[in-house]
Amino acid sequence: MASQGSAALGRQPIVPSGVLGMVLFLATEAMFFGGLISAFVVLRAATLDWPPLGQPRLPIGLTGINTAILLLSGYAMHRAVVCVRKGEAHLVAWLSGTALLGCVFLGIQGYEWLELIGFGLTTRSSLYGATFYTLVGAHGLHVLAALVVLLVVLARGIQGRYTAAAHGELELCRMYWLFVVAVWPVLYVLVYLR
């Protein structure tokens, strides 16, 4: 009996607890963004002029380029995980590229916000401004949080902590990064293109 209990304790879970925890966390994040998006759609549908007259138009082209930058960062993050799984030596380069692209994305968003504020689009200028900054700002904060986690993972990658057999933190970081990457095109289409 005792040997069966020991064998049962030694079994690996079907889904590692970190992955399960991240899936549950991302599900709550998806509900959070779902709620924000739903509120945005309802408010936009209830308003005749969206965006209101006198409010600046959003920079579709620049934000389209920024969208491509963030999508490229998702590819770089994926490549980082592939490298460590295969035991290749380019993990740090791909993680550094991901971090750099994430910083560029946030920098362009910051520039865009400063320009829009200068043109009079603020949270107090209209419901349009308030919903814009709430949606895009919430996403920006999530990218910033993901970037902080990514920089910790990058530092550990530089120290050589990840191997093909032990890279769970890197996998969790990838899940979160790809989530924030995947949310952005939805926001871009809803907020900028419609």
C-alpha atoms as a PDB file:
ATOM      1  CA  MET A   1       0.000   0.000   0.000  1.00  0.00           C
ATOM      2  CA  ALA A   2       2.734   2.434   0.957  1.00  0.00           C
ATOM      3  CA  SER A   3       4.529   1.914  -2.365  1.00  0.00           C
ATOM      4  CA  GLN A   4       1.328   2.714  -4.290  1.00  0.00           C
ATOM      5  CA  GLY A   5       0.929   5.942  -2.328  1.00  0.00           C
ATOM      6  CA  SER A   6       4.538   6.885  -3.086  1.00  0.00           C
ATOM      7  CA  ALA A   7       4.047   6.134  -6.750  1.00  0.00           C
ATOM      8  CA  ALA A   8       0.904   8.267  -6.801  1.00  0.00           C
ATOM      9  CA  LEU A   9       2.804  11.174  -5.216  1.00  0.00           C
ATOM     10  CA  GLY A  10       5.569  10.873  -7.825  1.00  0.00           C
ATOM     11  CA  ARG A  11       3.232  11.226 -10.814  1.00  0.00           C
ATOM     12  CA  GLN A  12       3.475  14.378 -12.865  1.00  0.00           C
ATOM     13  CA  PRO A  13       0.254  16.352 -13.270  1.00  0.00           C
ATOM     14  CA  ILE A  14      -1.333  16.394 -16.713  1.00  0.00           C
ATOM     15  CA  VAL A  15      -1.098  20.187 -16.733  1.00  0.00           C
ATOM     16  CA  PRO A  16       1.650  21.823 -14.659  1.00  0.00           C
ATOM     17  CA  SER A  17       0.235  23.990 -11.879  1.00  0.00           C
ATOM     18  CA  GLY A  18       1.945  27.119 -13.250  1.00  0.00           C
ATOM     19  CA  VAL A  19       0.300  26.649 -16.626  1.00  0.00           C
ATOM     20  CA  LEU A  20      -3.085  26.005 -15.023  1.00  0.00           C
ATOM     21  CA  GLY A  21      -2.671  29.132 -12.901  1.00  0.00           C
ATOM     22  CA  MET A  22      -1.727  31.195 -15.953  1.00  0.00           C
ATOM     23  CA  VAL A  23      -4.702  29.879 -17.931  1.00  0.00           C
ATOM     24  CA  LEU A  24      -7.041  30.883 -15.099  1.00  0.00           C
ATOM     25  CA  PHE A  25      -5.367  34.290 -14.832  1.00  0.00           C
ATOM     26  CA  LEU A  26      -5.636  34.858 -18.587  1.00  0.00           C
ATOM     27  CA  ALA A  27      -9.295  33.840 -18.472  1.00  0.00           C
ATOM     28  CA  THR A  28      -9.938  36.602 -15.930  1.00  0.00           C
ATOM     29  CA  GLU A  29      -7.964  39.027 -18.077  1.00  0.00           C
ATOM     30  CA  ALA A  30     -10.039  38.029 -21.106  1.00  0.00           C
ATOM     31  CA  MET A  31     -13.214  38.750 -19.101  1.00  0.00           C
ATOM     32  CA  PHE A  32     -11.766  42.107 -18.026  1.00  0.00           C
ATOM     33  CA  PHE A  33     -11.075  43.130 -21.614  1.00  0.00           C
ATOM     34  CA  GLY A  34     -14.386  41.621 -22.719  1.00  0.00           C
ATOM     35  CA  GLY A  35     -16.168  43.885 -20.249  1.00  0.00           C
ATOM     36  CA  LEU A  36     -14.273  46.970 -21.412  1.00  0.00           C
ATOM     37  CA  ILE A  37     -14.902  46.139 -25.059  1.00  0.00           C
ATOM     38  CA  SER A  38     -18.605  45.496 -24.399  1.00  0.00           C
ATOM     39  CA  ALA A  39     -18.947  48.843 -22.629  1.00  0.00           C
ATOM     40  CA  PHE A  40     -17.168  50.558 -25.516  1.00  0.00           C
ATOM     41  CA  VAL A  41     -19.433  48.953 -28.126  1.00  0.00           C
ATOM     42  CA  VAL A  42     -22.606  49.823 -26.183  1.00  0.00           C
ATOM     43  CA  LEU A  43     -21.525  53.435 -25.656  1.00  0.00           C
ATOM     44  CA  ARG A  44     -20.511  53.802 -29.295  1.00  0.00           C
ATOM     45  CA  ALA A  45     -23.831  52.356 -30.484  1.00  0.00           C
ATOM     46  CA  ALA A  46     -25.787  54.760 -28.270  1.00  0.00           C
ATOM     47  CA  THR A  47     -24.039  57.837 -29.697  1.00  0.00           C
ATOM     48  CA  LEU A  48     -24.988  59.348 -33.053  1.00  0.00           C
ATOM     49  CA  ASP A  49     -21.622  60.948 -33.767  1.00  0.00           C
ATOM     50  CA  TRP A  50     -18.693  58.656 -33.041  1.00  0.00           C
ATOM     51  CA  PRO A  51     -16.155  60.158 -32.862  1.00  0.00           C
ATOM     52  CA  PRO A  52     -17.846  63.436 -31.931  1.00  0.00           C
ATOM     53  CA  LEU A  53     -17.385  66.493 -34.101  1.00  0.00           C
ATOM     54  CA  GLY A  54     -14.414  68.553 -33.026  1.00  0.00           C
ATOM     55  CA  GLN A  55     -12.467  65.592 -31.635  1.00  0.00           C
ATOM     56  CA  PRO A  56      -9.260  64.591 -33.421  1.00  0.00           C
ATOM     57  CA  ARG A  57      -9.203  61.470 -35.530  1.00  0.00           C
ATOM     58  CA  LEU A  58      -6.999  58.635 -34.372  1.00  0.00           C
ATOM     59  CA  PRO A  59      -3.732  57.983 -36.258  1.00  0.00           C
ATOM     60  CA  ILE A  60      -4.679  54.834 -38.142  1.00  0.00           C
ATOM     61  CA  GLY A  61      -1.443  54.535 -40.135  1.00  0.00           C
ATOM     62  CA  LEU A  62       1.000  55.002 -37.279  1.00  0.00           C
ATOM     63  CA  THR A  63      -1.013  52.686 -35.065  1.00  0.00           C
ATOM     64  CA  GLY A  64      -1.142  50.118 -37.880  1.00  0.00           C
ATOM     65  CA  ILE A  65       2.658  50.133 -37.960  1.00  0.00           C
ATOM     66  CA  ASN A  66       2.682  49.865 -34.185  1.00  0.00           C
ATOM     67  CA  THR A  67       0.332  46.885 -34.427  1.00  0.00           C
ATOM     68  CA  ALA A  68       2.801  45.177 -36.771  1.00  0.00           C
ATOM     69  CA  ILE A  69       5.593  45.908 -34.275  1.00  0.00           C
ATOM     70  CA  LEU A  70       3.662  44.247 -31.448  1.00  0.00           C
ATOM     71  CA  LEU A  71       2.784  41.249 -33.626  1.00  0.00           C
ATOM     72  CA  LEU A  72       6.456  40.914 -34.535  1.00  0.00           C
ATOM     73  CA  SER A  73       7.295  40.911 -30.815  1.00  0.00           C
ATOM     74  CA  GLY A  74       4.927  37.951 -30.414  1.00  0.00           C
ATOM     75  CA  TYR A  75       6.851  36.092 -33.113  1.00  0.00           C
ATOM     76  CA  ALA A  76      10.156  36.905 -31.394  1.00  0.00           C
ATOM     77  CA  MET A  77       8.802  35.596 -28.085  1.00  0.00           C
ATOM     78  CA  HIS A  78       7.664  32.397 -29.764  1.00  0.00           C
ATOM     79  CA  ARG A  79      11.113  31.953 -31.332  1.00  0.00           C
ATOM     80  CA  ALA A  80      12.741  32.393 -27.902  1.00  0.00           C
ATOM     81  CA  VAL A  81      10.759  29.444 -26.556  1.00  0.00           C
ATOM     82  CA  VAL A  82      11.523  27.355 -29.639  1.00  0.00           C
ATOM     83  CA  CYS A  83      15.245  28.070 -29.170  1.00  0.00           C
ATOM     84  CA  VAL A  84      15.294  26.933 -25.558  1.00  0.00           C
ATOM     85  CA  ARG A  85      13.248  23.826 -26.346  1.00  0.00           C
ATOM     86  CA  LYS A  86      15.748  22.844 -29.045  1.00  0.00           C
ATOM     87  CA  GLY A  87      18.761  23.772 -26.928  1.00  0.00           C
ATOM     88  CA  GLU A  88      19.804  26.503 -29.377  1.00  0.00           C
ATOM     89  CA  ALA A  89      21.935  29.426 -28.247  1.00  0.00           C
ATOM     90  CA  HIS A  90      19.752  32.336 -29.447  1.00  0.00           C
ATOM     91  CA  LEU A  91      17.383  32.578 -26.478  1.00  0.00           C
ATOM     92  CA  VAL A  92      18.806  35.860 -25.169  1.00  0.00           C
ATOM     93  CA  ALA A  93      18.768  37.461 -28.626  1.00  0.00           C
ATOM     94  CA  TRP A  94      15.102  36.586 -29.201  1.00  0.00           C
ATOM     95  CA  LEU A  95      14.103  37.721 -25.700  1.00  0.00           C
ATOM     96  CA  SER A  96      16.047  40.959 -26.170  1.00  0.00           C
ATOM     97  CA  GLY A  97      14.295  41.506 -29.490  1.00  0.00           C
ATOM     98  CA  THR A  98      10.934  40.903 -27.855  1.00  0.00           C
ATOM     99  CA  ALA A  99      11.719  43.415 -25.098  1.00  0.00           C
ATOM    100  CA  LEU A 100      12.976  45.999 -27.590  1.00  0.00           C
ATOM    101  CA  LEU A 101       9.862  45.679 -29.745  1.00  0.00           C
ATOM    102  CA  GLY A 102       7.671  45.939 -26.639  1.00  0.00           C
ATOM    103  CA  CYS A 103       9.469  49.147 -25.638  1.00  0.00           C
ATOM    104  CA  VAL A 104       9.049  50.558 -29.150  1.00  0.00           C
ATOM    105  CA  PHE A 105       5.333  49.745 -29.036  1.00  0.00           C
ATOM    106  CA  LEU A 106       4.908  51.553 -25.718  1.00  0.00           C
ATOM    107  CA  GLY A 107       7.017  54.474 -26.937  1.00  0.00           C
ATOM    108  CA  ILE A 108       4.856  54.930 -30.018  1.00  0.00           C
ATOM    109  CA  GLN A 109       1.705  54.670 -27.887  1.00  0.00           C
ATOM    110  CA  GLY A 110       3.084  57.363 -25.573  1.00  0.00           C
ATOM    111  CA  TYR A 111       3.908  59.606 -28.516  1.00  0.00           C
ATOM    112  CA  GLU A 112       0.416  59.053 -29.928  1.00  0.00           C
ATOM    113  CA  TRP A 113      -1.202  59.955 -26.606  1.00  0.00           C
ATOM    114  CA  LEU A 114       0.836  63.162 -26.302  1.00  0.00           C
ATOM    115  CA  GLU A 115      -0.190  64.165 -29.819  1.00  0.00           C
ATOM    116  CA  LEU A 116      -3.863  63.419 -29.173  1.00  0.00           C
ATOM    117  CA  ILE A 117      -3.849  65.301 -25.867  1.00  0.00           C
ATOM    118  CA  GLY A 118      -2.246  68.233 -27.697  1.00  0.00           C
ATOM    119  CA  PHE A 119      -5.101  68.140 -30.218  1.00  0.00           C
ATOM    120  CA  GLY A 120      -7.652  68.196 -27.399  1.00  0.00           C
ATOM    121  CA  LEU A 121      -8.575  64.528 -26.944  1.00  0.00           C
ATOM    122  CA  THR A 122      -8.608  63.943 -23.192  1.00  0.00           C
ATOM    123  CA  THR A 123     -10.600  61.812 -20.787  1.00  0.00           C
ATOM    124  CA  ARG A 124     -12.687  64.892 -19.992  1.00  0.00           C
ATOM    125  CA  SER A 125     -13.188  66.145 -23.534  1.00  0.00           C
ATOM    126  CA  SER A 126     -15.849  63.562 -24.365  1.00  0.00           C
ATOM    127  CA  LEU A 127     -17.111  60.059 -23.738  1.00  0.00           C
ATOM    128  CA  TYR A 128     -15.130  59.173 -26.854  1.00  0.00           C
ATOM    129  CA  GLY A 129     -11.891  60.332 -25.201  1.00  0.00           C
ATOM    130  CA  ALA A 130     -12.706  58.618 -21.922  1.00  0.00           C
ATOM    131  CA  THR A 131     -13.404  55.252 -23.541  1.00  0.00           C
ATOM    132  CA  PHE A 132     -10.386  55.556 -25.839  1.00  0.00           C
ATOM    133  CA  TYR A 133      -7.959  56.157 -22.983  1.00  0.00           C
ATOM    134  CA  THR A 134      -9.584  53.515 -20.787  1.00  0.00           C
ATOM    135  CA  LEU A 135      -9.326  50.767 -23.399  1.00  0.00           C
ATOM    136  CA  VAL A 136      -5.946  51.666 -24.831  1.00  0.00           C
ATOM    137  CA  GLY A 137      -4.551  52.600 -21.412  1.00  0.00           C
ATOM    138  CA  ALA A 138      -5.624  49.297 -19.866  1.00  0.00           C
ATOM    139  CA  HIS A 139      -3.856  47.475 -22.674  1.00  0.00           C
ATOM    140  CA  GLY A 140      -0.769  49.656 -22.313  1.00  0.00           C
ATOM    141  CA  LEU A 141      -0.566  48.857 -18.604  1.00  0.00           C
ATOM    142  CA  HIS A 142      -0.785  45.161 -19.435  1.00  0.00           C
ATOM    143  CA  VAL A 143       2.024  45.490 -21.978  1.00  0.00           C
ATOM    144  CA  LEU A 144       4.109  47.329 -19.378  1.00  0.00           C
ATOM    145  CA  ALA A 145       3.473  44.562 -16.811  1.00  0.00           C
ATOM    146  CA  ALA A 146       4.354  41.912 -19.391  1.00  0.00           C
ATOM    147  CA  LEU A 147       7.514  43.840 -20.233  1.00  0.00           C
ATOM    148  CA  VAL A 148       8.595  43.888 -16.578  1.00  0.00           C
ATOM    149  CA  VAL A 149       8.076  40.108 -16.371  1.00  0.00           C
ATOM    150  CA  LEU A 150       9.918  39.694 -19.672  1.00  0.00           C
ATOM    151  CA  LEU A 151      12.911  41.666 -18.379  1.00  0.00           C
ATOM    152  CA  VAL A 152      13.108  39.390 -15.317  1.00  0.00           C
ATOM    153  CA  VAL A 153      12.974  36.339 -17.593  1.00  0.00           C
ATOM    154  CA  LEU A 154      15.610  37.914 -19.856  1.00  0.00           C
ATOM    155  CA  ALA A 155      17.937  38.483 -16.872  1.00  0.00           C
ATOM    156  CA  ARG A 156      17.520  34.841 -15.871  1.00  0.00           C
ATOM    157  CA  GLY A 157      18.089  33.781 -19.468  1.00  0.00           C
ATOM    158  CA  ILE A 158      21.356  35.733 -19.511  1.00  0.00           C
ATOM    159  CA  GLN A 159      22.345  33.832 -16.345  1.00  0.00           C
ATOM    160  CA  GLY A 160      21.722  30.567 -18.214  1.00  0.00           C
ATOM    161  CA  ARG A 161      18.860  29.380 -16.008  1.00  0.00           C
ATOM    162  CA  TYR A 162      16.746  27.940 -18.825  1.00  0.00           C
ATOM    163  CA  THR A 163      17.339  24.602 -20.479  1.00  0.00           C
ATOM    164  CA  ALA A 164      15.312  22.367 -22.755  1.00  0.00           C
ATOM    165  CA  ALA A 165      14.211  20.438 -19.664  1.00  0.00           C
ATOM    166  CA  ALA A 166      13.622  23.404 -17.322  1.00  0.00           C
ATOM    167  CA  HIS A 167      12.052  26.532 -18.779  1.00  0.00           C
ATOM    168  CA  GLY A 168       8.610  26.764 -17.165  1.00  0.00           C
ATOM    169  CA  GLU A 169       8.980  30.477 -16.316  1.00  0.00           C
ATOM    170  CA  LEU A 170       9.770  31.222 -19.943  1.00  0.00           C
ATOM    171  CA  GLU A 171       6.656  29.327 -21.070  1.00  0.00           C
ATOM    172  CA  LEU A 172       4.464  31.299 -18.629  1.00  0.00           C
ATOM    173  CA  CYS A 173       5.993  34.575 -19.786  1.00  0.00           C
ATOM    174  CA  ARG A 174       5.278  33.593 -23.384  1.00  0.00           C
ATOM    175  CA  MET A 175       1.638  32.852 -22.553  1.00  0.00           C
ATOM    176  CA  TYR A 176       1.148  36.283 -20.994  1.00  0.00           C
ATOM    177  CA  TRP A 177       3.056  38.102 -23.728  1.00  0.00           C
ATOM    178  CA  LEU A 178       1.084  36.410 -26.490  1.00  0.00           C
ATOM    179  CA  PHE A 179      -2.133  37.291 -24.675  1.00  0.00           C
ATOM    180  CA  VAL A 180      -1.350  41.020 -24.672  1.00  0.00           C
ATOM    181  CA  VAL A 181      -0.226  40.750 -28.287  1.00  0.00           C
ATOM    182  CA  ALA A 182      -3.494  39.014 -29.266  1.00  0.00           C
ATOM    183  CA  VAL A 183      -5.715  41.576 -27.521  1.00  0.00           C
ATOM    184  CA  TRP A 184      -4.224  44.532 -29.391  1.00  0.00           C
ATOM    185  CA  PRO A 185      -5.473  43.782 -32.956  1.00  0.00           C
ATOM    186  CA  VAL A 186      -9.011  43.464 -31.557  1.00  0.00           C
ATOM    187  CA  LEU A 187      -8.690  46.895 -29.958  1.00  0.00           C
ATOM    188  CA  TYR A 188      -7.103  48.344 -33.083  1.00  0.00           C
ATOM    189  CA  VAL A 189      -9.995  47.208 -35.260  1.00  0.00           C
ATOM    190  CA  LEU A 190     -12.698  48.283 -32.801  1.00  0.00           C
ATOM    191  CA  VAL A 191     -11.246  51.607 -31.696  1.00  0.00           C
ATOM    192  CA  TYR A 192      -9.223  52.830 -34.666  1.00  0.00           C
ATOM    193  CA  LEU A 193     -10.795  51.321 -37.768  1.00  0.00           C
ATOM    194  CA  ARG A 194     -14.543  51.556 -37.024  1.00  0.00           C
END
